[in-house]
Every structure is written in C-alpha cells, then in structure tokens.
Amino acid sequence: MYFNKIVHWNELNLDEKKKILSRPSVQKSFLVKETVQKIIKKVKILGDQALKEYTLLFDKCHINEFKLTKEQINASFLKINKDLKQSILIAKKNITCFHQAQISSEVDIETQFGVRCQQINLPLNSIGIYIPSGTAPLFSTVLMLGIPAVIAGCKKIILCSPPPISEEVLYASYICGINEIFQVGGAQAIAALAFGTQTIPKVDKIFGPGNSYVTEAKLQVSSIYNGPAIDMLAGPSELLIIADNKSNPDFIAADLLSQAEHGLSSQVILLTPYINLAKKVIISINNQLINLSRLKEITSSLKNSIIIVTDNITECINISNIYAPEHLSIQTEQPRKILDSILNASSVFLGSWSPETAGDYASGTNHVLPTYGKSVSSSCLGLADFQKRVLVQELTSQGLINLSHTLQILSEAEKLEGHKNAVKIRVDSVKRNI
C-alpha cells in the first residue's frame, strides 16, 4: 500500500470538510444487539452454567473453575522476564504518582452562621475490570484501571478476562493487589459482573474496553433498571497531530503509524500549514510502513486517515477543536502557546519528544479516554471515576432559625407545604423552649 492522501482545507466546500472530519462509520448490527440480549438473559438465569457453555462456544475452552487461585496469580512473578517486570514496575510507579495527586481535599465550610456543609469522597464498594484478549495481552489496561481503583479504596475489585489469561495480565494484577480474577470473557463476562453468578460477584460499576459484543453488553446492562454503571463506551482509537515547519517528519510519521496499528477502524490526521512538511511525512510513512508487522490494521486505518494542509496554525487549532480528538499531539516550536487554545481533546502530547506511546504505557496519565468526539463533554478516566461524592449538612438550632424565613418562603413558592412545615415545626419547638 502507498499512502498519499493530502487535501488543502480551503479548497473544500462545507460538505467536503464535514466528510473529511467524520469518523469511520461503526456499524452496530442488529445481529450483535440480538446476540448480546440472548447472552445476558441466559447468564442472568443460568449463571455459571451459561458461562461454561459460552466459554466453550466462543473461546474453545472447557473451564471447571473460573476463579484463579492466589497461587496461580502469584506464579506469574516467576514467568515474566526481568526487563518486562522492571518496565511494568516503572509504569506502575508513574501511574500511581499521577493518580495519587488527584486525591482531592474534602469540602467542609460554614455557608452562614450555624450552617455547616460538607462534601466527602467515598470509594465505590465493588468494581469490575474487563481486560480483553486478542492479538496482544493488554496488561497496561490492568494498570490503568487497577491502580486508581486501589488508590480510591474500592473494597472489592473483580477482574475478568478470556481464557487463557496471559502471564503479563496476571503479573500486572499481582502487583496491583488484585486477587479476584476470573477466566471468562466477552458479553457473558459483562453479564456476570452486572448480575452476579454462583461464583462471580455482582459489581456496582464496570470498567474496561472490548470488542463490539463487549461494548454492546456494557450499554445494555447499564440501561437496565438497577444495573451497574459503566466507565464509557470505547470507540476506535484516534490521533490528530498539529505540526509546523520546525517539527520532525519522521517523528510525525511514526506517531501516525503507532496509532493506526490499534485497529481496523482507527483514524489518524495531520494538520499543518506547510505542504513541504506534509510531503515529507508521506514519504516517511511509506518508508516506515514496510518494517511494521500489523499491516492489516495499519492499511485499513490509513484508508480512514488524511493529511490536511491549512493556511495557518490558527486554522489547525480550529479544526482540531471541531474534531475533538482522543489523542492530540502538538509538534510545534512552542506547543504550550497552542495548548491555551485547545478546547476539546482527551489527552494532549506536547512537543516532539512526547510520543503518544508514553501516555499509552508509562508516563503516568490514564489511557482510558473518550473517543468519537466525546471529549467535547466527557473526560479521561481518573480517580474520581472510582469514587462517589456524598454531601453532608448540619444546622444548629440558631442556624436553622437564621435560615428558616428563606426556607419557608422558597418552599411556599414551590407549593410544597410539607417542606415548609418541616422547618416551621422545628422553629416553633425552639421558640417554645426559649
């Protein structure tokens, strides 16, 4: 394949511009929806029996015991090579450092005399972490989900992953202190976490990426009354780069290719005012492409991808804010000056020495991010996602008296006599005692 897709932004009409910035269409077939509905219903009714049947059908594994023993988890320590263990530990240290810094101080103030208001943060009681299998073990996602869950203080952390679970995933779980691990995958694992089975506990919130069946299962269980919450619905990965004539075309090409290899529907975009840079990046992409192994994914992703030449950097910023990328790389001479103008992006990488790979693995930031333009209103995964905010108020008798007139006027205006009476009966009691 030879990649050579360059367009000049101001030569396009409005419809063409809209089409250029549209994501690859993700077809959610009726078959997927119907299949997932059947799986959820069967798991809800039959529990472990349904899980065994689906594991045999989809994963070609006959499983007697879904839960791994602590000995099986701990044994991963001996099966991972020293360099990989050391690298995982460095990633853990940085991710821990960044997420510990997100611990917020609790609010405790007196809004007026005798009226004390608080906001306290409590951990979620139980969470489920789903780690997909496939062409590569996603042990990095174990770190991204497990570490903030532990820091937040979640009391029960359940991890599910299709059999056989890789030693890398087990080791990442081991160093995070996750010891309730179940070898079950797909939509059936999401159903098990949502409703519980004879062996897998029900959880309050489900985290983690997956294929179209897993994503559909998360959507369906979270829509059921009393079903679990979910982190987000993961879409195809995406990267947008803003670059000027001071940037390195080989670095840019490498970053575009690194994101393109994520999956068949991934999308990468380069925005630059410099046509010469665009041409150099094209040459570098095609030179580097031949040395990469995931050619099927990259080739498919590049069909969804484009290089856009603009009139100036300001236009690049405006287009980026419209697109609202999952990953935004700013490879300009003074990237922090541009950062102030960025309104919509999930994770931003500043300068030529900040590859998106760093955020995927070990810089410390979380790689679970809103995609498909959701960064307009949604945020990256963080410590707060593993907590709930609880509000507390405490009024003294004098504080209530001071606020009582306001409360009664407001209650009466909304025609809620019971609210008004709950204040009045207390005020009258205070006055009688006085």
Protein backbone atom coordinates (compact mmCIF):
# COMPACT_ATOMS: atom_id res chain seq x y z
CA MET A 1 0.00 0.00 0.00
CA TYR A 2 1.16 3.55 -0.74
CA PHE A 3 -0.33 6.33 1.40
CA ASN A 4 -0.70 9.69 -0.34
CA LYS A 5 -3.79 11.49 0.94
CA ILE A 6 -3.25 15.26 1.17
CA VAL A 7 -6.02 17.82 0.91
CA HIS A 8 -5.99 21.63 1.07
CA TRP A 9 -8.60 22.67 3.62
CA ASN A 10 -9.66 25.89 1.92
CA GLU A 11 -10.21 24.17 -1.41
CA LEU A 12 -13.01 22.09 0.14
CA ASN A 13 -16.66 23.06 0.40
CA LEU A 14 -18.58 22.72 3.68
CA ASP A 15 -19.87 19.21 2.91
CA GLU A 16 -16.40 18.02 1.95
CA LYS A 17 -14.92 19.46 5.15
CA LYS A 18 -17.58 17.72 7.22
CA LYS A 19 -16.92 14.42 5.45
CA ILE A 20 -13.13 14.71 5.92
CA LEU A 21 -13.58 15.11 9.70
CA SER A 22 -16.16 12.35 10.08
CA ARG A 23 -15.10 9.20 11.93
CA PRO A 24 -15.09 5.80 10.25
CA SER A 25 -18.62 4.50 10.40
CA VAL A 26 -19.01 1.88 13.11
CA GLN A 27 -21.83 -0.43 12.09
CA LYS A 28 -23.72 -1.78 15.09
CA SER A 29 -25.51 -4.66 13.50
CA PHE A 30 -28.86 -5.89 14.72
CA LEU A 31 -27.25 -9.34 14.98
CA VAL A 32 -24.77 -8.09 17.62
CA LYS A 33 -27.54 -6.44 19.61
CA GLU A 34 -29.78 -9.52 19.46
CA THR A 35 -26.95 -11.93 20.29
CA VAL A 36 -25.90 -9.88 23.31
CA GLN A 37 -29.50 -9.73 24.57
CA LYS A 38 -29.68 -13.53 24.46
CA ILE A 39 -26.33 -13.93 26.22
CA ILE A 40 -27.30 -11.52 29.02
CA LYS A 41 -30.64 -13.23 29.54
CA LYS A 42 -29.10 -16.70 29.67
CA VAL A 43 -26.32 -15.68 32.09
CA LYS A 44 -28.86 -13.93 34.30
CA ILE A 45 -30.95 -17.12 34.51
CA LEU A 46 -28.36 -19.93 34.43
CA GLY A 47 -25.29 -18.22 35.89
CA ASP A 48 -22.11 -20.31 35.77
CA GLN A 49 -23.71 -22.96 33.57
CA ALA A 50 -24.27 -20.37 30.84
CA LEU A 51 -20.70 -19.07 31.28
CA LYS A 52 -19.30 -22.58 30.76
CA GLU A 53 -21.36 -23.07 27.61
CA TYR A 54 -20.36 -19.72 26.12
CA THR A 55 -16.69 -20.17 27.06
CA LEU A 56 -16.65 -23.49 25.24
CA LEU A 57 -18.50 -22.00 22.25
CA PHE A 58 -16.52 -18.76 21.85
CA ASP A 59 -13.14 -19.43 23.47
CA LYS A 60 -12.93 -23.19 22.75
CA CYS A 61 -12.05 -23.78 26.40
CA HIS A 62 -13.65 -26.14 28.87
CA ILE A 63 -13.48 -24.38 32.24
CA ASN A 64 -14.36 -26.09 35.52
CA GLU A 65 -13.18 -23.32 37.86
CA PHE A 66 -13.50 -19.75 36.63
CA LYS A 67 -11.67 -18.22 39.58
CA LEU A 68 -7.88 -18.42 39.58
CA THR A 69 -6.16 -19.28 42.83
CA LYS A 70 -3.76 -16.90 44.54
CA GLU A 71 -1.01 -19.41 43.79
CA GLN A 72 -1.76 -19.21 40.06
CA ILE A 73 -1.70 -15.41 40.17
CA ASN A 74 1.48 -15.23 42.26
CA ALA A 75 3.25 -17.72 39.99
CA SER A 76 3.23 -15.10 37.22
CA PHE A 77 6.08 -13.38 39.11
CA LEU A 78 8.37 -16.25 38.09
CA LYS A 79 7.18 -16.41 34.47
CA ILE A 80 7.85 -12.83 33.38
CA ASN A 81 11.32 -11.82 32.27
CA LYS A 82 13.28 -9.34 34.36
CA ASP A 83 13.23 -6.46 31.85
CA LEU A 84 9.48 -6.62 31.38
CA LYS A 85 8.88 -6.81 35.14
CA GLN A 86 11.09 -3.78 35.68
CA SER A 87 9.29 -1.83 32.93
CA ILE A 88 5.87 -2.70 34.34
CA LEU A 89 7.01 -1.57 37.80
CA ILE A 90 8.23 1.77 36.43
CA ALA A 91 4.88 2.26 34.68
CA LYS A 92 3.10 1.38 37.93
CA LYS A 93 5.18 3.93 39.86
CA ASN A 94 4.39 6.75 37.43
CA ILE A 95 0.69 5.91 37.12
CA THR A 96 0.44 5.70 40.91
CA CYS A 97 2.19 9.05 41.31
CA PHE A 98 -0.13 10.81 38.88
CA HIS A 99 -3.34 9.33 40.29
CA GLN A 100 -2.36 9.90 43.92
CA ALA A 101 -2.03 13.58 43.01
CA GLN A 102 -5.72 13.51 42.05
CA ILE A 103 -6.82 12.86 45.65
CA SER A 104 -8.99 15.88 46.32
CA SER A 105 -9.40 17.61 49.64
CA GLU A 106 -12.84 17.34 51.16
CA VAL A 107 -15.07 20.41 51.38
CA ASP A 108 -16.07 21.48 54.89
CA ILE A 109 -17.37 25.06 55.22
CA GLU A 110 -19.89 27.15 57.13
CA THR A 111 -22.01 28.78 54.45
CA GLN A 112 -23.56 31.04 57.08
CA PHE A 113 -23.53 31.06 60.87
CA GLY A 114 -24.76 27.70 62.20
CA VAL A 115 -24.99 26.06 58.75
CA ARG A 116 -22.16 23.57 58.08
CA CYS A 117 -21.88 21.93 54.62
CA GLN A 118 -19.51 19.17 53.59
CA GLN A 119 -18.60 17.11 50.55
CA ILE A 120 -16.88 13.82 51.27
CA ASN A 121 -15.48 11.30 48.77
CA LEU A 122 -16.23 7.62 49.28
CA PRO A 123 -14.86 4.70 47.22
CA LEU A 124 -17.18 2.57 45.12
CA ASN A 125 -17.95 -0.62 47.01
CA SER A 126 -17.30 -3.05 44.17
CA ILE A 127 -15.99 -2.66 40.63
CA GLY A 128 -15.44 -5.00 37.71
CA ILE A 129 -12.44 -4.70 35.39
CA TYR A 130 -12.68 -6.27 31.94
CA ILE A 131 -9.43 -6.97 30.09
CA PRO A 132 -9.87 -8.23 26.51
CA SER A 133 -7.53 -10.75 24.93
CA GLY A 134 -6.85 -10.93 21.20
CA THR A 135 -3.63 -10.29 19.34
CA ALA A 136 -1.81 -8.83 22.37
CA PRO A 137 -2.15 -9.01 26.17
CA LEU A 138 -3.44 -5.63 27.42
CA PHE A 139 -1.62 -5.67 30.74
CA SER A 140 -1.26 -1.87 30.52
CA THR A 141 -5.04 -1.56 30.91
CA VAL A 142 -4.83 -3.57 34.14
CA LEU A 143 -2.52 -0.85 35.49
CA MET A 144 -4.70 1.98 34.20
CA LEU A 145 -7.80 0.58 35.90
CA GLY A 146 -6.39 -1.30 38.87
CA ILE A 147 -4.13 1.43 40.24
CA PRO A 148 -6.74 4.20 40.61
CA ALA A 149 -9.23 1.65 41.97
CA VAL A 150 -6.77 0.72 44.73
CA ILE A 151 -5.88 4.36 45.47
CA ALA A 152 -9.58 5.25 45.65
CA GLY A 153 -10.05 2.46 48.20
CA CYS A 154 -12.55 0.30 46.29
CA LYS A 155 -13.38 -2.55 48.65
CA LYS A 156 -13.84 -5.29 46.03
CA ILE A 157 -12.07 -5.42 42.66
CA ILE A 158 -13.08 -8.21 40.29
CA LEU A 159 -11.13 -8.81 37.08
CA CYS A 160 -12.45 -10.83 34.14
CA SER A 161 -10.53 -11.79 31.01
CA PRO A 162 -10.98 -14.53 28.39
CA PRO A 163 -9.06 -17.78 28.91
CA PRO A 164 -6.22 -18.44 28.86
CA ILE A 165 -5.27 -15.27 30.74
CA SER A 166 -1.73 -14.18 29.85
CA GLU A 167 1.04 -14.18 32.44
CA GLU A 168 1.56 -10.46 31.75
CA VAL A 169 -2.03 -9.66 32.73
CA LEU A 170 -1.69 -11.83 35.83
CA TYR A 171 1.57 -10.15 36.83
CA ALA A 172 0.09 -6.66 36.39
CA SER A 173 -2.85 -7.77 38.54
CA TYR A 174 -0.48 -9.26 41.11
CA ILE A 175 1.50 -6.03 41.60
CA CYS A 176 -1.76 -4.04 41.81
CA GLY A 177 -3.04 -6.33 44.54
CA ILE A 178 -5.95 -7.68 42.50
CA ASN A 179 -6.54 -11.28 43.59
CA GLU A 180 -10.11 -11.99 42.45
CA ILE A 181 -9.53 -12.96 38.83
CA PHE A 182 -11.97 -14.93 36.69
CA GLN A 183 -11.17 -16.52 33.33
CA VAL A 184 -14.27 -15.54 31.41
CA GLY A 185 -14.62 -13.09 28.53
CA GLY A 186 -16.97 -11.50 26.05
CA ALA A 187 -20.50 -10.27 26.61
CA GLN A 188 -21.01 -13.16 29.04
CA ALA A 189 -18.35 -11.72 31.37
CA ILE A 190 -20.08 -8.33 31.36
CA ALA A 191 -23.40 -10.03 32.15
CA ALA A 192 -21.77 -11.96 35.01
CA LEU A 193 -20.33 -8.78 36.51
CA ALA A 194 -23.65 -6.99 36.09
CA PHE A 195 -25.89 -9.57 37.76
CA GLY A 196 -23.57 -11.99 39.53
CA THR A 197 -23.42 -15.77 39.20
CA GLN A 198 -22.74 -18.63 41.61
CA THR A 199 -19.02 -17.77 41.59
CA ILE A 200 -18.66 -14.25 40.16
CA PRO A 201 -19.87 -11.41 42.41
CA LYS A 202 -22.15 -8.65 41.15
CA VAL A 203 -20.40 -5.27 40.93
CA ASP A 204 -21.56 -1.65 41.08
CA LYS A 205 -19.56 -0.37 38.10
CA ILE A 206 -17.82 -1.99 35.13
CA PHE A 207 -14.62 -0.68 33.55
CA GLY A 208 -12.61 -1.72 30.52
CA PRO A 209 -12.57 -1.89 26.71
CA GLY A 210 -13.66 -4.70 24.43
CA ASN A 211 -14.98 -5.68 21.02
CA SER A 212 -18.40 -4.76 19.64
CA TYR A 213 -20.10 -7.51 21.72
CA VAL A 214 -18.49 -6.34 24.95
CA THR A 215 -19.32 -2.69 24.18
CA GLU A 216 -22.92 -3.59 23.38
CA ALA A 217 -23.17 -5.66 26.57
CA LYS A 218 -21.91 -2.71 28.65
CA LEU A 219 -24.51 -0.49 27.01
CA GLN A 220 -27.34 -2.96 27.63
CA VAL A 221 -26.57 -3.82 31.27
CA SER A 222 -26.11 -0.15 32.18
CA SER A 223 -29.53 0.61 30.68
CA ILE A 224 -31.32 -2.00 32.80
CA TYR A 225 -33.05 -0.80 35.96
CA ASN A 226 -30.71 -1.35 38.90
CA GLY A 227 -27.94 -2.38 36.50
CA PRO A 228 -24.31 -1.35 37.03
CA ALA A 229 -22.75 1.93 35.95
CA ILE A 230 -20.04 1.80 33.27
CA ASP A 231 -16.93 3.89 32.63
CA MET A 232 -17.53 4.75 28.96
CA LEU A 233 -18.28 3.16 25.60
CA ALA A 234 -14.96 2.77 23.82
CA GLY A 235 -14.82 3.64 20.14
CA PRO A 236 -11.96 3.21 17.62
CA SER A 237 -8.66 4.86 18.57
CA GLU A 238 -7.73 8.19 17.00
CA LEU A 239 -4.81 10.64 16.86
CA LEU A 240 -4.65 14.18 15.49
CA ILE A 241 -1.32 15.98 15.10
CA ILE A 242 -0.77 19.73 14.70
CA ALA A 243 2.69 20.44 13.28
CA ASP A 244 4.74 23.34 11.94
CA ASN A 245 7.87 23.54 9.79
CA LYS A 246 10.11 23.07 12.85
CA SER A 247 8.79 19.55 13.52
CA ASN A 248 10.42 16.26 12.58
CA PRO A 249 8.55 14.46 9.74
CA ASP A 250 9.91 11.06 10.80
CA PHE A 251 8.58 11.55 14.35
CA ILE A 252 5.18 12.58 12.99
CA ALA A 253 5.01 9.59 10.63
CA ALA A 254 5.98 7.21 13.44
CA ASP A 255 3.26 8.62 15.70
CA LEU A 256 0.60 8.35 13.00
CA LEU A 257 1.57 4.74 12.31
CA SER A 258 1.69 3.84 16.01
CA GLN A 259 -1.93 4.86 16.41
CA ALA A 260 -3.02 3.39 13.08
CA GLU A 261 -1.93 -0.09 14.23
CA HIS A 262 -4.50 -0.12 17.06
CA GLY A 263 -7.35 -1.45 14.94
CA LEU A 264 -9.09 -1.60 11.59
CA SER A 265 -11.30 1.43 12.32
CA SER A 266 -8.63 3.66 13.86
CA GLN A 267 -8.12 7.11 12.35
CA VAL A 268 -5.11 9.44 12.21
CA ILE A 269 -4.98 13.03 10.94
CA LEU A 270 -2.15 15.52 10.42
CA LEU A 271 -2.90 19.25 10.32
CA THR A 272 -0.17 21.59 9.07
CA PRO A 273 0.13 24.84 7.11
CA TYR A 274 3.27 23.52 5.39
CA ILE A 275 2.87 21.47 2.20
CA ASN A 276 6.58 20.54 2.19
CA LEU A 277 6.24 19.02 5.65
CA ALA A 278 3.14 17.10 4.51
CA LYS A 279 5.07 15.64 1.57
CA LYS A 280 8.00 14.62 3.79
CA VAL A 281 5.60 12.90 6.22
CA ILE A 282 4.04 10.98 3.32
CA ILE A 283 7.47 9.71 2.26
CA SER A 284 8.38 8.76 5.84
CA ILE A 285 5.07 6.93 6.43
CA ASN A 286 5.63 4.76 3.39
CA ASN A 287 9.27 4.09 4.31
CA GLN A 288 8.42 3.10 7.89
CA LEU A 289 5.32 1.15 6.95
CA ILE A 290 7.23 -1.72 5.39
CA ASN A 291 9.00 -2.51 8.67
CA LEU A 292 5.85 -2.88 10.78
CA SER A 293 4.05 -6.15 11.48
CA ARG A 294 0.40 -5.11 11.93
CA LEU A 295 -0.03 -4.23 8.25
CA LYS A 296 -3.66 -5.31 8.06
CA GLU A 297 -4.69 -2.91 10.82
CA ILE A 298 -2.48 -0.08 9.55
CA THR A 299 -3.61 -0.41 5.95
CA SER A 300 -7.25 -0.31 6.97
CA SER A 301 -6.71 2.65 9.33
CA LEU A 302 -4.85 4.68 6.70
CA LYS A 303 -7.87 4.41 4.42
CA ASN A 304 -9.75 6.38 7.10
CA SER A 305 -6.92 8.88 7.53
CA ILE A 306 -5.75 12.12 5.90
CA ILE A 307 -3.21 14.95 5.90
CA ILE A 308 -4.83 18.39 5.82
CA VAL A 309 -2.91 21.48 4.69
CA THR A 310 -4.26 24.72 6.13
CA ASP A 311 -3.49 28.42 5.71
CA ASN A 312 -2.06 28.84 9.21
CA ILE A 313 -1.70 27.27 12.67
CA THR A 314 -4.82 29.06 13.96
CA GLU A 315 -6.85 27.18 11.37
CA CYS A 316 -5.26 23.91 12.56
CA ILE A 317 -6.38 24.70 16.11
CA ASN A 318 -9.94 25.47 14.99
CA ILE A 319 -10.19 22.21 13.02
CA SER A 320 -8.80 20.24 15.97
CA ASN A 321 -11.39 21.77 18.32
CA ILE A 322 -14.15 20.76 15.89
CA TYR A 323 -12.81 17.20 15.58
CA ALA A 324 -12.25 16.83 19.37
CA PRO A 325 -9.64 14.05 19.17
CA GLU A 326 -8.97 11.26 21.64
CA HIS A 327 -5.22 11.93 21.36
CA LEU A 328 -3.88 15.34 20.30
CA SER A 329 -0.17 15.76 19.56
CA ILE A 330 1.13 19.34 19.21
CA GLN A 331 4.50 19.22 17.50
CA THR A 332 5.28 22.90 17.02
CA GLU A 333 8.11 25.19 18.08
CA GLN A 334 6.14 26.48 21.10
CA PRO A 335 3.44 23.88 21.84
CA ARG A 336 2.39 25.34 25.21
CA LYS A 337 1.25 28.52 23.48
CA ILE A 338 -1.17 26.43 21.45
CA LEU A 339 -2.35 24.47 24.50
CA ASP A 340 -4.16 27.55 25.81
CA SER A 341 -6.39 27.50 22.70
CA ILE A 342 -7.29 23.80 22.86
CA LEU A 343 -10.94 23.39 23.88
CA ASN A 344 -11.66 19.73 23.05
CA ALA A 345 -9.22 16.84 23.44
CA SER A 346 -9.00 13.81 25.72
CA SER A 347 -5.21 13.57 26.11
CA VAL A 348 -2.65 16.08 24.81
CA PHE A 349 1.02 15.40 23.97
CA LEU A 350 3.26 18.47 23.78
CA GLY A 351 6.41 18.73 21.69
CA SER A 352 8.47 16.42 19.51
CA TRP A 353 9.69 14.32 22.45
CA SER A 354 6.23 13.25 23.69
CA PRO A 355 5.07 10.24 21.64
CA GLU A 356 1.53 9.02 22.23
CA THR A 357 3.15 5.73 23.28
CA ALA A 358 4.22 7.39 26.54
CA GLY A 359 0.62 8.02 27.56
CA ASP A 360 -0.42 4.54 26.48
CA TYR A 361 2.01 2.92 28.89
CA ALA A 362 4.13 4.69 31.41
CA SER A 363 4.19 8.50 31.61
CA GLY A 364 1.56 8.30 34.35
CA THR A 365 -1.59 9.64 32.69
CA ASN A 366 -4.53 7.31 32.07
CA HIS A 367 -5.04 5.82 28.62
CA VAL A 368 -8.77 5.16 29.05
CA LEU A 369 -10.15 8.10 27.08
CA PRO A 370 -13.32 9.37 25.39
CA THR A 371 -13.29 8.78 21.62
CA TYR A 372 -15.50 9.67 18.68
CA GLY A 373 -15.61 13.37 19.59
CA LYS A 374 -16.89 12.74 23.12
CA SER A 375 -14.09 14.89 24.57
CA VAL A 376 -16.42 17.83 23.87
CA SER A 377 -18.27 16.90 27.06
CA SER A 378 -16.52 13.90 28.63
CA SER A 379 -13.24 13.46 30.48
CA CYS A 380 -10.41 10.94 30.66
CA LEU A 381 -10.65 8.24 33.29
CA GLY A 382 -9.37 9.36 36.68
CA LEU A 383 -9.56 8.76 40.39
CA ALA A 384 -12.99 10.39 40.63
CA ASP A 385 -14.48 7.65 38.44
CA PHE A 386 -13.80 5.15 41.24
CA GLN A 387 -15.43 7.33 43.88
CA LYS A 388 -18.77 8.87 44.70
CA ARG A 389 -19.33 12.30 46.23
CA VAL A 390 -21.53 12.48 49.32
CA LEU A 391 -22.98 15.73 50.64
CA VAL A 392 -23.43 16.43 54.36
CA GLN A 393 -25.15 19.32 56.08
CA GLU A 394 -25.51 20.07 59.78
CA LEU A 395 -27.50 23.00 61.16
CA THR A 396 -27.55 24.22 64.73
CA SER A 397 -30.85 25.41 66.17
CA GLN A 398 -29.74 29.02 65.71
CA GLY A 399 -28.53 28.24 62.20
CA LEU A 400 -31.97 26.87 61.32
CA ILE A 401 -33.72 29.90 62.80
CA ASN A 402 -31.46 32.21 60.80
CA LEU A 403 -32.27 30.34 57.57
CA SER A 404 -35.90 29.48 58.37
CA HIS A 405 -37.55 32.51 56.77
CA THR A 406 -35.72 31.86 53.49
CA LEU A 407 -36.60 28.15 53.58
CA GLN A 408 -40.27 28.77 54.25
CA ILE A 409 -40.58 31.42 51.53
CA LEU A 410 -38.93 29.15 48.95
CA SER A 411 -40.99 26.08 49.97
CA GLU A 412 -44.21 28.06 49.77
CA ALA A 413 -43.30 29.44 46.34
CA GLU A 414 -42.93 25.88 45.07
CA LYS A 415 -46.20 24.90 46.77
CA LEU A 416 -44.52 22.26 48.93
CA GLU A 417 -46.27 22.68 52.27
CA GLY A 418 -44.62 19.62 53.78
CA HIS A 419 -41.19 21.18 53.21
CA LYS A 420 -42.32 24.40 54.85
CA ASN A 421 -43.81 22.53 57.79
CA ALA A 422 -40.58 20.54 58.40
CA VAL A 423 -38.88 23.88 59.08
CA LYS A 424 -41.74 25.57 60.94
CA ILE A 425 -42.27 22.70 63.41
CA ARG A 426 -38.60 22.90 64.44
CA VAL A 427 -38.59 26.70 64.74
CA ASP A 428 -41.73 26.59 66.89
CA SER A 429 -40.08 23.95 69.12
CA VAL A 430 -37.04 26.19 69.63
CA LYS A 431 -39.21 29.19 70.45
CA ARG A 432 -41.26 27.19 72.98
CA ASN A 433 -38.10 26.03 74.76
CA ILE A 434 -36.79 29.58 74.88
